[in-house]
Amino acid sequence: MILDVPLPGLAGWDQSPFAKLVPKMADGLRASGVKKVATGIIKGSPHYVVQDQPDAVAELIERHAAIAR
């Protein structure tokens, strides 16, 4: 199955153990047929990315949604 919808994978803190897993998860998604996986870190959000940096998350969603058009 191929999924052609943009899918961002994020971490909120570059020193987080999760930040090291995001690229590996993206590789697994790509291997499973997800074509448009992007990874990144939204700095200044050590707990919950959406709660800590809502504007940055909204901007990222808008940017990736534009890719799908």
C-alpha atoms as a PDB file:
ATOM      1  CA  MET A   1       0.000   0.000   0.000  1.00  0.00           C
ATOM      2  CA  ILE A   2       1.272   3.463  -0.866  1.00  0.00           C
ATOM      3  CA  LEU A   3       0.219   6.495   1.143  1.00  0.00           C
ATOM      4  CA  ASP A   4       0.762   9.796  -0.657  1.00  0.00           C
ATOM      5  CA  VAL A   5      -0.285  12.149   2.169  1.00  0.00           C
ATOM      6  CA  PRO A   6       2.334  14.371   3.850  1.00  0.00           C
ATOM      7  CA  LEU A   7       3.178  13.031   7.302  1.00  0.00           C
ATOM      8  CA  PRO A   8       5.446  15.020   9.649  1.00  0.00           C
ATOM      9  CA  GLY A   9       7.274  13.226  12.442  1.00  0.00           C
ATOM     10  CA  LEU A  10       8.372  15.581  15.182  1.00  0.00           C
ATOM     11  CA  ALA A  11      10.202  15.746  18.439  1.00  0.00           C
ATOM     12  CA  GLY A  12      10.062  18.673  20.790  1.00  0.00           C
ATOM     13  CA  TRP A  13      13.535  18.623  22.245  1.00  0.00           C
ATOM     14  CA  ASP A  14      16.744  17.735  20.434  1.00  0.00           C
ATOM     15  CA  GLN A  15      18.186  15.996  23.530  1.00  0.00           C
ATOM     16  CA  SER A  16      15.129  13.790  23.929  1.00  0.00           C
ATOM     17  CA  PRO A  17      15.605  10.048  23.361  1.00  0.00           C
ATOM     18  CA  PHE A  18      12.529  10.306  21.154  1.00  0.00           C
ATOM     19  CA  ALA A  19      14.348  12.750  18.849  1.00  0.00           C
ATOM     20  CA  LYS A  20      16.767   9.956  17.970  1.00  0.00           C
ATOM     21  CA  LEU A  21      13.873   7.623  17.144  1.00  0.00           C
ATOM     22  CA  VAL A  22      12.021   9.983  14.793  1.00  0.00           C
ATOM     23  CA  PRO A  23      14.341   9.385  11.784  1.00  0.00           C
ATOM     24  CA  LYS A  24      14.179   5.618  12.350  1.00  0.00           C
ATOM     25  CA  MET A  25      10.387   5.731  12.495  1.00  0.00           C
ATOM     26  CA  ALA A  26      10.352   7.799   9.289  1.00  0.00           C
ATOM     27  CA  ASP A  27      12.557   5.211   7.566  1.00  0.00           C
ATOM     28  CA  GLY A  28      10.146   2.474   8.640  1.00  0.00           C
ATOM     29  CA  LEU A  29       7.176   4.443   7.328  1.00  0.00           C
ATOM     30  CA  ARG A  30       8.910   5.044   4.014  1.00  0.00           C
ATOM     31  CA  ALA A  31       9.729   1.338   3.740  1.00  0.00           C
ATOM     32  CA  SER A  32       6.023   0.649   4.300  1.00  0.00           C
ATOM     33  CA  GLY A  33       4.955   2.908   1.438  1.00  0.00           C
ATOM     34  CA  VAL A  34       4.502   6.338   3.023  1.00  0.00           C
ATOM     35  CA  LYS A  35       6.029   8.621   0.416  1.00  0.00           C
ATOM     36  CA  LYS A  36       5.996  12.083   1.995  1.00  0.00           C
ATOM     37  CA  VAL A  37       7.481  11.722   5.470  1.00  0.00           C
ATOM     38  CA  ALA A  38       9.253  14.736   6.937  1.00  0.00           C
ATOM     39  CA  THR A  39      11.080  14.868  10.245  1.00  0.00           C
ATOM     40  CA  GLY A  40      12.014  17.733  12.478  1.00  0.00           C
ATOM     41  CA  ILE A  41      12.385  19.193  15.909  1.00  0.00           C
ATOM     42  CA  ILE A  42      10.262  22.008  17.243  1.00  0.00           C
ATOM     43  CA  LYS A  43      12.528  23.643  19.777  1.00  0.00           C
ATOM     44  CA  GLY A  44      11.232  24.934  23.064  1.00  0.00           C
ATOM     45  CA  SER A  45       8.698  22.180  23.577  1.00  0.00           C
ATOM     46  CA  PRO A  46      10.165  19.639  25.992  1.00  0.00           C
ATOM     47  CA  HIS A  47       6.834  18.194  27.080  1.00  0.00           C
ATOM     48  CA  TYR A  48       3.909  18.306  24.642  1.00  0.00           C
ATOM     49  CA  VAL A  49       4.802  19.848  21.301  1.00  0.00           C
ATOM     50  CA  VAL A  50       1.261  20.979  20.452  1.00  0.00           C
ATOM     51  CA  GLN A  51       0.715  22.526  23.864  1.00  0.00           C
ATOM     52  CA  ASP A  52       4.159  24.107  24.173  1.00  0.00           C
ATOM     53  CA  GLN A  53       4.494  25.493  20.617  1.00  0.00           C
ATOM     54  CA  PRO A  54       1.022  25.624  19.005  1.00  0.00           C
ATOM     55  CA  ASP A  55       1.980  28.279  16.438  1.00  0.00           C
ATOM     56  CA  ALA A  56       5.000  26.299  15.245  1.00  0.00           C
ATOM     57  CA  VAL A  57       2.895  23.136  14.938  1.00  0.00           C
ATOM     58  CA  ALA A  58       0.171  25.001  13.029  1.00  0.00           C
ATOM     59  CA  GLU A  59       2.760  26.444  10.641  1.00  0.00           C
ATOM     60  CA  LEU A  60       4.218  22.995  10.046  1.00  0.00           C
ATOM     61  CA  ILE A  61       0.762  21.519   9.338  1.00  0.00           C
ATOM     62  CA  GLU A  62      -0.034  24.338   6.905  1.00  0.00           C
ATOM     63  CA  ARG A  63       3.294  23.890   5.122  1.00  0.00           C
ATOM     64  CA  HIS A  64       2.805  20.149   4.715  1.00  0.00           C
ATOM     65  CA  ALA A  65      -0.841  20.529   3.711  1.00  0.00           C
ATOM     66  CA  ALA A  66       0.294  22.838   0.911  1.00  0.00           C
ATOM     67  CA  ILE A  67       2.518  20.037  -0.410  1.00  0.00           C
ATOM     68  CA  ALA A  68      -0.522  17.782  -0.764  1.00  0.00           C
ATOM     69  CA  ARG A  69      -2.360  20.204  -3.048  1.00  0.00           C
END
